[in-house]
PDB file of all heavy atoms in Angstrom:
ATOM      1  N   VAL A   1      16.000  29.011  23.337  1.00  0.00           N
ATOM      2  CA  VAL A   1      16.223  27.606  23.916  1.00  0.00           C
ATOM      3  C   VAL A   1      15.475  27.425  25.253  1.00  0.00           C
ATOM      4  O   VAL A   1      15.985  28.208  26.272  1.00  0.00           O
ATOM      5  CB  VAL A   1      17.614  27.290  24.076  1.00  0.00           C
ATOM      6  CG1 VAL A   1      17.862  25.796  24.626  1.00  0.00           C
ATOM      7  CG2 VAL A   1      18.281  27.438  22.687  1.00  0.00           C
ATOM      8  N   GLU A   2      14.494  26.595  25.290  1.00  0.00           N
ATOM      9  CA  GLU A   2      13.809  26.289  26.538  1.00  0.00           C
ATOM     10  C   GLU A   2      14.472  25.223  27.373  1.00  0.00           C
ATOM     11  O   GLU A   2      15.019  24.251  26.812  1.00  0.00           O
ATOM     12  CB  GLU A   2      12.341  25.916  26.271  1.00  0.00           C
ATOM     13  CG  GLU A   2      11.500  26.896  25.475  1.00  0.00           C
ATOM     14  CD  GLU A   2      11.462  26.567  23.990  1.00  0.00           C
ATOM     15  OE1 GLU A   2      12.434  25.891  23.506  1.00  0.00           O
ATOM     16  OE2 GLU A   2      10.454  26.879  23.270  1.00  0.00           O
ATOM     17  N   SER A   3      14.281  25.257  28.729  1.00  0.00           N
ATOM     18  CA  SER A   3      14.810  24.235  29.611  1.00  0.00           C
ATOM     19  C   SER A   3      13.981  24.185  30.872  1.00  0.00           C
ATOM     20  O   SER A   3      13.189  25.130  31.083  1.00  0.00           O
ATOM     21  CB  SER A   3      16.261  24.522  29.852  1.00  0.00           C
ATOM     22  OG  SER A   3      16.469  25.639  30.556  1.00  0.00           O
ATOM     23  N   GLY A   4      14.025  23.062  31.619  1.00  0.00           N
ATOM     24  CA  GLY A   4      13.479  23.042  32.844  1.00  0.00           C
ATOM     25  C   GLY A   4      12.222  22.146  32.988  1.00  0.00           C
ATOM     26  O   GLY A   4      11.616  21.953  34.077  1.00  0.00           O
ATOM     27  N   GLY A   5      11.837  21.577  31.914  1.00  0.00           N
ATOM     28  CA  GLY A   5      10.755  20.608  31.800  1.00  0.00           C
ATOM     29  C   GLY A   5      11.081  19.280  32.462  1.00  0.00           C
ATOM     30  O   GLY A   5      12.320  19.088  32.730  1.00  0.00           O
ATOM     31  N   GLY A   6      10.048  18.472  32.635  1.00  0.00           N
ATOM     32  CA  GLY A   6      10.370  17.142  33.272  1.00  0.00           C
ATOM     33  C   GLY A   6       8.967  16.540  33.814  1.00  0.00           C
ATOM     34  O   GLY A   6       7.954  17.075  33.414  1.00  0.00           O
ATOM     35  N   LEU A   7       9.207  15.550  34.611  1.00  0.00           N
ATOM     36  CA  LEU A   7       8.022  14.864  35.190  1.00  0.00           C
ATOM     37  C   LEU A   7       7.868  15.360  36.646  1.00  0.00           C
ATOM     38  O   LEU A   7       8.802  15.281  37.404  1.00  0.00           O
ATOM     39  CB  LEU A   7       8.399  13.304  35.098  1.00  0.00           C
ATOM     40  CG  LEU A   7       7.341  12.451  35.751  1.00  0.00           C
ATOM     41  CD1 LEU A   7       5.950  12.563  35.119  1.00  0.00           C
ATOM     42  CD2 LEU A   7       7.779  10.991  35.874  1.00  0.00           C
ATOM     43  N   VAL A   8       6.632  15.644  37.024  1.00  0.00           N
ATOM     44  CA  VAL A   8       6.384  16.165  38.368  1.00  0.00           C
ATOM     45  C   VAL A   8       5.056  15.601  38.745  1.00  0.00           C
ATOM     46  O   VAL A   8       4.100  15.408  37.881  1.00  0.00           O
ATOM     47  CB  VAL A   8       6.515  17.678  38.523  1.00  0.00           C
ATOM     48  CG1 VAL A   8       5.351  18.321  37.593  1.00  0.00           C
ATOM     49  CG2 VAL A   8       6.386  18.181  39.879  1.00  0.00           C
ATOM     50  N   GLN A   9       4.913  15.430  40.052  1.00  0.00           N
ATOM     51  CA  GLN A   9       3.590  14.959  40.645  1.00  0.00           C
ATOM     52  C   GLN A   9       2.544  16.115  40.704  1.00  0.00           C
ATOM     53  O   GLN A   9       2.959  17.170  40.964  1.00  0.00           O
ATOM     54  CB  GLN A   9       3.641  14.278  42.009  1.00  0.00           C
ATOM     55  CG  GLN A   9       4.368  12.840  41.871  1.00  0.00           C
ATOM     56  CD  GLN A   9       4.374  12.179  43.195  1.00  0.00           C
ATOM     57  OE1 GLN A   9       4.483  12.859  44.166  1.00  0.00           O
ATOM     58  NE2 GLN A   9       4.444  10.833  43.140  1.00  0.00           N
ATOM     59  N   ALA A  10       1.321  15.868  40.676  1.00  0.00           N
ATOM     60  CA  ALA A  10       0.233  16.903  40.803  1.00  0.00           C
ATOM     61  C   ALA A  10       0.499  17.540  42.192  1.00  0.00           C
ATOM     62  O   ALA A  10       0.861  16.868  43.247  1.00  0.00           O
ATOM     63  CB  ALA A  10      -1.112  16.199  40.808  1.00  0.00           C
ATOM     64  N   GLY A  11       0.365  18.931  42.134  1.00  0.00           N
ATOM     65  CA  GLY A  11       0.620  19.623  43.310  1.00  0.00           C
ATOM     66  C   GLY A  11       2.067  20.308  43.379  1.00  0.00           C
ATOM     67  O   GLY A  11       2.341  21.141  44.240  1.00  0.00           O
ATOM     68  N   GLY A  12       2.861  19.781  42.588  1.00  0.00           N
ATOM     69  CA  GLY A  12       4.407  20.151  42.624  1.00  0.00           C
ATOM     70  C   GLY A  12       4.552  21.399  41.865  1.00  0.00           C
ATOM     71  O   GLY A  12       3.652  22.017  41.125  1.00  0.00           O
ATOM     72  N   SER A  13       5.866  21.858  41.712  1.00  0.00           N
ATOM     73  CA  SER A  13       6.307  22.983  40.922  1.00  0.00           C
ATOM     74  C   SER A  13       7.386  22.777  39.980  1.00  0.00           C
ATOM     75  O   SER A  13       8.274  21.805  40.220  1.00  0.00           O
ATOM     76  CB  SER A  13       6.729  24.217  41.967  1.00  0.00           C
ATOM     77  OG  SER A  13       5.734  24.339  42.891  1.00  0.00           O
ATOM     78  N   LEU A  14       7.613  23.552  38.959  1.00  0.00           N
ATOM     79  CA  LEU A  14       8.632  23.660  37.992  1.00  0.00           C
ATOM     80  C   LEU A  14       8.903  25.031  37.508  1.00  0.00           C
ATOM     81  O   LEU A  14       7.863  25.856  37.601  1.00  0.00           O
ATOM     82  CB  LEU A  14       8.305  22.781  36.789  1.00  0.00           C
ATOM     83  CG  LEU A  14       8.321  21.296  36.843  1.00  0.00           C
ATOM     84  CD1 LEU A  14       7.889  20.548  35.470  1.00  0.00           C
ATOM     85  CD2 LEU A  14       9.762  20.764  37.065  1.00  0.00           C
ATOM     86  N   ARG A  15      10.090  25.391  37.181  1.00  0.00           N
ATOM     87  CA  ARG A  15      10.490  26.521  36.719  1.00  0.00           C
ATOM     88  C   ARG A  15      10.980  26.347  35.300  1.00  0.00           C
ATOM     89  O   ARG A  15      12.107  25.844  35.251  1.00  0.00           O
ATOM     90  CB  ARG A  15      11.549  27.399  37.576  1.00  0.00           C
ATOM     91  CG  ARG A  15      11.588  28.830  37.185  1.00  0.00           C
ATOM     92  CD  ARG A  15      12.840  29.357  38.051  1.00  0.00           C
ATOM     93  NE  ARG A  15      12.775  30.949  37.985  1.00  0.00           N
ATOM     94  CZ  ARG A  15      13.880  31.595  38.284  1.00  0.00           C
ATOM     95  NH1 ARG A  15      14.935  31.124  38.775  1.00  0.00           N
ATOM     96  NH2 ARG A  15      13.755  32.890  38.250  1.00  0.00           N
ATOM     97  N   LEU A  16      10.372  26.959  34.442  1.00  0.00           N
ATOM     98  CA  LEU A  16      10.893  26.752  32.926  1.00  0.00           C
ATOM     99  C   LEU A  16      11.639  28.122  32.563  1.00  0.00           C
ATOM    100  O   LEU A  16      11.479  29.203  33.040  1.00  0.00           O
ATOM    101  CB  LEU A  16       9.803  26.872  31.898  1.00  0.00           C
ATOM    102  CG  LEU A  16       8.845  25.595  32.123  1.00  0.00           C
ATOM    103  CD1 LEU A  16       7.771  25.624  30.989  1.00  0.00           C
ATOM    104  CD2 LEU A  16       9.442  24.269  32.270  1.00  0.00           C
ATOM    105  N   SER A  17      12.893  27.831  31.778  1.00  0.00           N
ATOM    106  CA  SER A  17      13.607  29.055  31.431  1.00  0.00           C
ATOM    107  C   SER A  17      13.682  29.199  29.836  1.00  0.00           C
ATOM    108  O   SER A  17      13.701  28.044  29.121  1.00  0.00           O
ATOM    109  CB  SER A  17      15.036  28.848  31.962  1.00  0.00           C
ATOM    110  OG  SER A  17      15.005  28.902  33.353  1.00  0.00           O
ATOM    111  N   CYS A  18      13.731  30.229  29.320  1.00  0.00           N
ATOM    112  CA  CYS A  18      13.976  30.526  27.729  1.00  0.00           C
ATOM    113  C   CYS A  18      15.150  31.438  27.809  1.00  0.00           C
ATOM    114  O   CYS A  18      15.117  32.596  28.075  1.00  0.00           O
ATOM    115  CB  CYS A  18      12.714  31.078  27.285  1.00  0.00           C
ATOM    116  SG  CYS A  18      12.897  31.708  25.493  1.00  0.00           S
ATOM    117  N   ALA A  19      16.218  30.895  27.162  1.00  0.00           N
ATOM    118  CA  ALA A  19      17.409  31.625  26.919  1.00  0.00           C
ATOM    119  C   ALA A  19      17.458  32.158  25.558  1.00  0.00           C
ATOM    120  O   ALA A  19      17.339  31.435  24.578  1.00  0.00           O
ATOM    121  CB  ALA A  19      18.770  30.662  27.240  1.00  0.00           C
ATOM    122  N   ALA A  20      17.619  33.504  25.350  1.00  0.00           N
ATOM    123  CA  ALA A  20      17.656  34.085  24.002  1.00  0.00           C
ATOM    124  C   ALA A  20      18.959  34.501  23.705  1.00  0.00           C
ATOM    125  O   ALA A  20      19.878  34.823  24.577  1.00  0.00           O
ATOM    126  CB  ALA A  20      16.780  35.339  24.143  1.00  0.00           C
ATOM    127  N   SER A  21      19.331  34.521  22.340  1.00  0.00           N
ATOM    128  CA  SER A  21      20.616  34.835  21.829  1.00  0.00           C
ATOM    129  C   SER A  21      20.933  36.411  21.856  1.00  0.00           C
ATOM    130  O   SER A  21      22.046  36.834  21.627  1.00  0.00           O
ATOM    131  CB  SER A  21      20.796  34.355  20.499  1.00  0.00           C
ATOM    132  OG  SER A  21      19.781  34.856  19.633  1.00  0.00           O
ATOM    133  N   ILE A  22      19.773  37.168  22.103  1.00  0.00           N
ATOM    134  CA  ILE A  22      19.955  38.564  22.208  1.00  0.00           C
ATOM    135  C   ILE A  22      19.192  39.120  23.309  1.00  0.00           C
ATOM    136  O   ILE A  22      18.395  38.497  23.973  1.00  0.00           O
ATOM    137  CB  ILE A  22      19.496  39.348  20.929  1.00  0.00           C
ATOM    138  CG1 ILE A  22      18.048  39.120  20.705  1.00  0.00           C
ATOM    139  CG2 ILE A  22      20.295  38.863  19.654  1.00  0.00           C
ATOM    140  CD1 ILE A  22      17.377  39.928  19.472  1.00  0.00           C
ATOM    141  N   ASN A  23      19.293  40.538  23.659  1.00  0.00           N
ATOM    142  CA  ASN A  23      18.537  41.042  24.746  1.00  0.00           C
ATOM    143  C   ASN A  23      16.988  40.965  24.368  1.00  0.00           C
ATOM    144  O   ASN A  23      16.604  41.342  23.446  1.00  0.00           O
ATOM    145  CB  ASN A  23      18.976  42.597  24.790  1.00  0.00           C
ATOM    146  CG  ASN A  23      18.485  43.304  26.038  1.00  0.00           C
ATOM    147  OD1 ASN A  23      17.335  42.955  26.520  1.00  0.00           O
ATOM    148  ND2 ASN A  23      19.197  44.229  26.469  1.00  0.00           N
ATOM    149  N   ILE A  24      16.288  40.399  25.405  1.00  0.00           N
ATOM    150  CA  ILE A  24      14.924  40.134  25.247  1.00  0.00           C
ATOM    151  C   ILE A  24      14.015  41.367  25.198  1.00  0.00           C
ATOM    152  O   ILE A  24      12.895  41.438  24.738  1.00  0.00           O
ATOM    153  CB  ILE A  24      14.372  39.197  26.279  1.00  0.00           C
ATOM    154  CG1 ILE A  24      14.438  39.776  27.574  1.00  0.00           C
ATOM    155  CG2 ILE A  24      14.967  37.770  26.179  1.00  0.00           C
ATOM    156  CD1 ILE A  24      13.720  38.914  28.683  1.00  0.00           C
ATOM    157  N   PHE A  25      14.643  42.546  25.661  1.00  0.00           N
ATOM    158  CA  PHE A  25      13.950  43.839  25.496  1.00  0.00           C
ATOM    159  C   PHE A  25      14.020  44.334  24.086  1.00  0.00           C
ATOM    160  O   PHE A  25      13.284  45.435  23.926  1.00  0.00           O
ATOM    161  CB  PHE A  25      14.625  44.914  26.418  1.00  0.00           C
ATOM    162  CG  PHE A  25      14.319  44.591  27.823  1.00  0.00           C
ATOM    163  CD1 PHE A  25      15.064  43.766  28.736  1.00  0.00           C
ATOM    164  CD2 PHE A  25      13.114  45.077  28.493  1.00  0.00           C
ATOM    165  CE1 PHE A  25      14.702  43.546  30.055  1.00  0.00           C
ATOM    166  CE2 PHE A  25      12.686  44.912  29.769  1.00  0.00           C
ATOM    167  CZ  PHE A  25      13.554  44.171  30.567  1.00  0.00           C
ATOM    168  N   SER A  26      14.607  43.644  23.194  1.00  0.00           N
ATOM    169  CA  SER A  26      14.592  44.021  21.834  1.00  0.00           C
ATOM    170  C   SER A  26      13.202  43.645  21.226  1.00  0.00           C
ATOM    171  O   SER A  26      12.800  44.116  20.056  1.00  0.00           O
ATOM    172  CB  SER A  26      15.565  43.295  20.950  1.00  0.00           C
ATOM    173  OG  SER A  26      16.918  43.630  21.379  1.00  0.00           O
ATOM    174  N   PHE A  27      12.445  42.865  21.899  1.00  0.00           N
ATOM    175  CA  PHE A  27      11.040  42.388  21.541  1.00  0.00           C
ATOM    176  C   PHE A  27       9.919  43.072  22.259  1.00  0.00           C
ATOM    177  O   PHE A  27      10.078  43.319  23.459  1.00  0.00           O
ATOM    178  CB  PHE A  27      10.894  40.887  21.683  1.00  0.00           C
ATOM    179  CG  PHE A  27      11.908  40.121  21.010  1.00  0.00           C
ATOM    180  CD1 PHE A  27      13.096  39.612  21.827  1.00  0.00           C
ATOM    181  CD2 PHE A  27      11.914  39.890  19.548  1.00  0.00           C
ATOM    182  CE1 PHE A  27      14.024  38.817  21.048  1.00  0.00           C
ATOM    183  CE2 PHE A  27      12.963  39.093  19.020  1.00  0.00           C
ATOM    184  CZ  PHE A  27      14.011  38.740  19.690  1.00  0.00           C
ATOM    185  N   ASP A  28       8.809  43.485  21.435  1.00  0.00           N
ATOM    186  CA  ASP A  28       7.732  44.116  22.279  1.00  0.00           C
ATOM    187  C   ASP A  28       7.004  43.222  23.146  1.00  0.00           C
ATOM    188  O   ASP A  28       6.566  43.710  24.210  1.00  0.00           O
ATOM    189  CB  ASP A  28       6.759  44.471  21.128  1.00  0.00           C
ATOM    190  CG  ASP A  28       7.322  45.591  20.140  1.00  0.00           C
ATOM    191  OD1 ASP A  28       8.162  46.445  20.546  1.00  0.00           O
ATOM    192  OD2 ASP A  28       7.012  45.526  19.021  1.00  0.00           O
ATOM    193  N   THR A  29       6.851  41.878  22.820  1.00  0.00           N
ATOM    194  CA  THR A  29       6.271  40.981  23.729  1.00  0.00           C
ATOM    195  C   THR A  29       6.837  39.541  23.623  1.00  0.00           C
ATOM    196  O   THR A  29       7.356  39.255  22.601  1.00  0.00           O
ATOM    197  CB  THR A  29       4.756  40.931  23.305  1.00  0.00           C
ATOM    198  OG1 THR A  29       4.051  42.101  23.293  1.00  0.00           O
ATOM    199  CG2 THR A  29       4.076  39.891  24.144  1.00  0.00           C
ATOM    200  N   MET A  30       7.002  38.912  25.025  1.00  0.00           N
ATOM    201  CA  MET A  30       7.384  37.612  24.821  1.00  0.00           C
ATOM    202  C   MET A  30       6.518  36.755  25.644  1.00  0.00           C
ATOM    203  O   MET A  30       5.592  37.366  26.391  1.00  0.00           O
ATOM    204  CB  MET A  30       8.885  37.543  25.491  1.00  0.00           C
ATOM    205  CG  MET A  30      10.020  38.117  24.810  1.00  0.00           C
ATOM    206  SD  MET A  30      11.525  37.684  25.261  1.00  0.00           S
ATOM    207  CE  MET A  30      11.574  36.001  24.759  1.00  0.00           C
ATOM    208  N   GLY A  31       6.313  35.585  25.295  1.00  0.00           N
ATOM    209  CA  GLY A  31       5.491  34.637  26.002  1.00  0.00           C
ATOM    210  C   GLY A  31       5.637  33.232  26.023  1.00  0.00           C
ATOM    211  O   GLY A  31       6.600  32.731  25.368  1.00  0.00           O
ATOM    212  N   TRP A  32       4.867  32.518  26.753  1.00  0.00           N
ATOM    213  CA  TRP A  32       4.855  31.019  26.803  1.00  0.00           C
ATOM    214  C   TRP A  32       3.565  30.523  26.269  1.00  0.00           C
ATOM    215  O   TRP A  32       2.361  30.936  26.604  1.00  0.00           O
ATOM    216  CB  TRP A  32       5.033  30.598  28.244  1.00  0.00           C
ATOM    217  CG  TRP A  32       6.397  30.760  28.874  1.00  0.00           C
ATOM    218  CD1 TRP A  32       6.847  31.885  29.593  1.00  0.00           C
ATOM    219  CD2 TRP A  32       7.502  29.918  28.630  1.00  0.00           C
ATOM    220  NE1 TRP A  32       8.253  31.828  29.999  1.00  0.00           N
ATOM    221  CE2 TRP A  32       8.607  30.612  29.438  1.00  0.00           C
ATOM    222  CE3 TRP A  32       7.840  28.694  28.040  1.00  0.00           C
ATOM    223  CZ2 TRP A  32       9.923  30.016  29.403  1.00  0.00           C
ATOM    224  CZ3 TRP A  32       9.023  28.208  28.110  1.00  0.00           C
ATOM    225  CH2 TRP A  32      10.116  28.823  28.838  1.00  0.00           C
ATOM    226  N   TYR A  33       3.737  29.407  25.532  1.00  0.00           N
ATOM    227  CA  TYR A  33       2.566  28.844  24.834  1.00  0.00           C
ATOM    228  C   TYR A  33       2.771  27.309  25.197  1.00  0.00           C
ATOM    229  O   TYR A  33       3.803  26.807  25.554  1.00  0.00           O
ATOM    230  CB  TYR A  33       2.501  29.008  23.346  1.00  0.00           C
ATOM    231  CG  TYR A  33       2.113  30.385  22.969  1.00  0.00           C
ATOM    232  CD1 TYR A  33       2.977  31.325  23.098  1.00  0.00           C
ATOM    233  CD2 TYR A  33       0.830  30.713  22.414  1.00  0.00           C
ATOM    234  CE1 TYR A  33       2.593  32.744  22.775  1.00  0.00           C
ATOM    235  CE2 TYR A  33       0.476  31.970  21.987  1.00  0.00           C
ATOM    236  CZ  TYR A  33       1.393  33.024  22.203  1.00  0.00           C
ATOM    237  OH  TYR A  33       1.113  34.194  21.914  1.00  0.00           O
ATOM    238  N   ARG A  34       1.625  26.451  25.057  1.00  0.00           N
ATOM    239  CA  ARG A  34       1.787  25.096  25.281  1.00  0.00           C
ATOM    240  C   ARG A  34       0.938  24.330  24.262  1.00  0.00           C
ATOM    241  O   ARG A  34      -0.265  24.903  23.869  1.00  0.00           O
ATOM    242  CB  ARG A  34       1.446  24.776  26.745  1.00  0.00           C
ATOM    243  CG  ARG A  34       0.079  24.977  27.137  1.00  0.00           C
ATOM    244  CD  ARG A  34      -0.152  24.691  28.591  1.00  0.00           C
ATOM    245  NE  ARG A  34      -1.589  24.773  29.063  1.00  0.00           N
ATOM    246  CZ  ARG A  34      -2.025  24.745  30.244  1.00  0.00           C
ATOM    247  NH1 ARG A  34      -1.077  24.617  31.386  1.00  0.00           N
ATOM    248  NH2 ARG A  34      -3.163  25.038  30.667  1.00  0.00           N
ATOM    249  N   GLN A  35       1.183  23.067  24.215  1.00  0.00           N
ATOM    250  CA  GLN A  35       0.410  22.229  23.165  1.00  0.00           C
ATOM    251  C   GLN A  35       0.332  20.797  23.916  1.00  0.00           C
ATOM    252  O   GLN A  35       1.246  20.240  24.105  1.00  0.00           O
ATOM    253  CB  GLN A  35       0.951  22.139  21.798  1.00  0.00           C
ATOM    254  CG  GLN A  35       0.107  21.401  20.894  1.00  0.00           C
ATOM    255  CD  GLN A  35       0.525  21.514  19.374  1.00  0.00           C
ATOM    256  OE1 GLN A  35       1.724  21.986  19.137  1.00  0.00           O
ATOM    257  NE2 GLN A  35      -0.302  21.336  18.470  1.00  0.00           N
ATOM    258  N   ALA A  36      -0.737  20.462  24.330  1.00  0.00           N
ATOM    259  CA  ALA A  36      -1.212  19.269  24.961  1.00  0.00           C
ATOM    260  C   ALA A  36      -1.428  18.083  23.859  1.00  0.00           C
ATOM    261  O   ALA A  36      -1.706  18.536  22.692  1.00  0.00           O
ATOM    262  CB  ALA A  36      -2.360  19.334  25.899  1.00  0.00           C
TER     263      ALA A  36
END
């Protein structure tokens, strides 16, 4: 479950979070992707 998105002006900052239902070290690789 992702959270932290929103509207921000150019030059600003945001911090996105991804909450997993299990220990994320159970996975070899985790990542962020985006689609414009």
